[in-house]
Protein backbone atom coordinates (compact mmCIF):
# COMPACT_ATOMS: atom_id res chain seq x y z
CA MET A 1 18.82 -28.89 68.03
CA SER A 2 15.96 -27.05 69.89
CA GLY A 3 16.03 -24.63 67.17
CA ALA A 4 14.54 -27.08 64.66
CA PRO A 5 11.24 -27.80 66.56
CA ASP A 6 10.52 -24.16 67.32
CA GLU A 7 10.99 -23.25 63.43
CA GLU A 8 8.75 -25.94 62.61
CA LYS A 9 5.87 -24.90 64.94
CA LEU A 10 6.51 -21.44 63.62
CA GLU A 11 5.97 -22.42 59.94
CA GLU A 12 3.07 -24.49 61.20
CA LEU A 13 1.65 -21.14 62.62
CA ARG A 14 2.25 -19.29 59.48
CA GLN A 15 0.29 -21.83 57.48
CA GLN A 16 -2.52 -21.95 59.74
CA LYS A 17 -2.48 -17.84 59.70
CA MET A 18 -2.39 -17.70 55.90
CA GLU A 19 -5.35 -20.64 55.31
CA GLU A 20 -7.31 -18.22 57.84
CA LEU A 21 -6.83 -15.20 56.02
CA GLN A 22 -7.61 -16.74 52.55
CA GLU A 23 -10.85 -18.07 54.12
CA ARG A 24 -11.94 -14.71 55.35
CA ALA A 25 -11.08 -13.25 51.93
CA GLU A 26 -13.14 -15.78 50.22
CA GLY A 27 -15.85 -15.09 52.70
CA GLN A 28 -15.69 -11.13 52.10
CA GLY A 29 -15.87 -11.45 48.44
CA GLY A 30 -18.72 -13.76 48.36
CA ASP A 31 -20.44 -11.29 50.78
CA ALA A 32 -19.66 -8.42 48.21
CA GLN A 33 -20.86 -10.43 45.31
CA GLU A 34 -24.26 -11.50 47.25
CA ALA A 35 -24.76 -7.76 48.09
CA ALA A 36 -24.28 -6.79 44.54
CA GLN A 37 -26.77 -9.37 43.45
CA GLN A 38 -29.29 -8.28 46.16
CA GLN A 39 -29.16 -4.45 44.98
CA ALA A 40 -29.64 -5.70 41.40
CA GLU A 41 -32.54 -7.72 42.36
CA ALA A 42 -33.91 -4.64 44.31
CA GLN A 43 -33.48 -2.58 41.41
CA LYS A 44 -34.98 -4.77 38.99
CA ASN A 45 -38.18 -5.32 41.35
CA ALA A 46 -38.29 -1.50 41.81
CA LEU A 47 -38.54 -1.27 37.86
CA LEU A 48 -41.18 -4.04 37.49
CA ARG A 49 -43.19 -2.05 40.45
CA GLN A 50 -42.90 1.06 38.64
CA HIS A 51 -43.94 -0.05 35.02
CA LEU A 52 -46.21 -2.85 35.96
CA THR A 53 -49.92 -2.58 37.17
CA ASP A 54 -50.93 -5.07 40.23
CA ASP A 55 -53.03 -7.31 37.83
CA ALA A 56 -49.93 -7.58 35.53
CA ARG A 57 -47.62 -8.16 38.20
CA LYS A 58 -49.86 -10.73 39.65
CA ARG A 59 -50.03 -12.42 36.30
CA LEU A 60 -45.89 -12.31 36.14
CA ASN A 61 -45.78 -13.95 39.82
CA THR A 62 -48.19 -16.87 38.31
CA VAL A 63 -46.06 -17.26 35.36
CA LYS A 64 -42.87 -17.37 37.46
CA MET A 65 -44.36 -19.93 39.89
CA SER A 66 -45.41 -22.19 37.03
CA LYS A 67 -42.52 -21.63 34.78
CA PRO A 68 -39.55 -19.80 36.51
CA GLN A 69 -37.35 -19.67 33.58
CA PHE A 70 -39.84 -18.10 31.15
CA GLY A 71 -40.89 -15.91 34.14
CA GLU A 72 -37.40 -14.53 34.37
CA GLN A 73 -37.22 -14.27 30.82
CA VAL A 74 -40.30 -11.98 30.67
CA GLU A 75 -38.90 -9.89 33.57
CA ARG A 76 -35.72 -9.41 31.55
CA GLN A 77 -37.70 -8.51 28.58
CA VAL A 78 -39.80 -5.79 30.66
CA VAL A 79 -36.77 -4.49 32.61
CA THR A 80 -35.01 -3.98 29.27
CA LEU A 81 -37.78 -2.17 27.66
CA ALA A 82 -38.10 -0.06 30.74
CA ARG A 83 -34.48 1.11 30.69
CA SER A 84 -34.56 1.72 26.88
CA GLY A 85 -37.43 3.87 27.35
CA ARG A 86 -39.97 2.09 25.12
CA ILE A 87 -42.65 1.58 27.70
CA GLN A 88 -45.20 4.42 27.76
CA GLY A 89 -47.36 4.58 30.96
CA LYS A 90 -47.91 1.28 32.89
CA ILE A 91 -48.07 -2.30 31.46
CA ASP A 92 -51.58 -3.22 32.51
CA ASP A 93 -53.01 -7.11 32.14
CA GLU A 94 -54.11 -6.98 28.68
CA LYS A 95 -50.46 -5.99 27.48
CA MET A 96 -48.89 -8.34 29.83
CA LYS A 97 -50.81 -11.13 28.20
CA GLN A 98 -49.86 -9.83 24.61
CA LEU A 99 -46.25 -9.85 25.82
CA LEU A 100 -46.59 -13.39 27.17
CA GLN A 101 -48.08 -14.63 23.92
CA GLU A 102 -45.16 -12.70 21.80
CA LEU A 103 -42.49 -14.47 24.14
CA LYS A 104 -43.94 -17.87 24.76
CA PRO A 105 -41.89 -20.54 23.17
CA ASP A 106 -43.79 -22.24 20.17
CA SER A 107 -45.78 -25.10 21.86
CA LYS A 108 -45.49 -28.35 19.94
CA SER A 109 -48.71 -30.10 19.03
CA PHE A 110 -49.40 -33.57 18.99
CA ASP A 111 -52.05 -35.44 17.15
CA ILE A 112 -52.95 -38.67 18.32
CA LYS A 113 -55.06 -40.82 16.39
CA ARG A 114 -56.53 -43.89 17.44
CA ARG A 115 -57.38 -46.99 15.57
């Protein structure tokens, strides 16, 4: 009869060990994914620094502060253009204004008439 409680304890210890191993594996997978994401972000920032003037970067950062999704869209567009080799030289503030005009969503206008 003394064998059964020992087997139960052994099985319980095995379960605990398996849970610990699974948690570690999940943690390491998350770390690797996070490291890859940080590396991609660093590459994107390097490309932006390389292809944008200081004024254009300031304008883009201002847009990102007010409209984060639109700012990300513009960043992706600039990175895509840079990777495809379609950017000659650097994008200055005027070119950034043009790019923002082209990419901005159509704003809805409202005509309010008072009686």
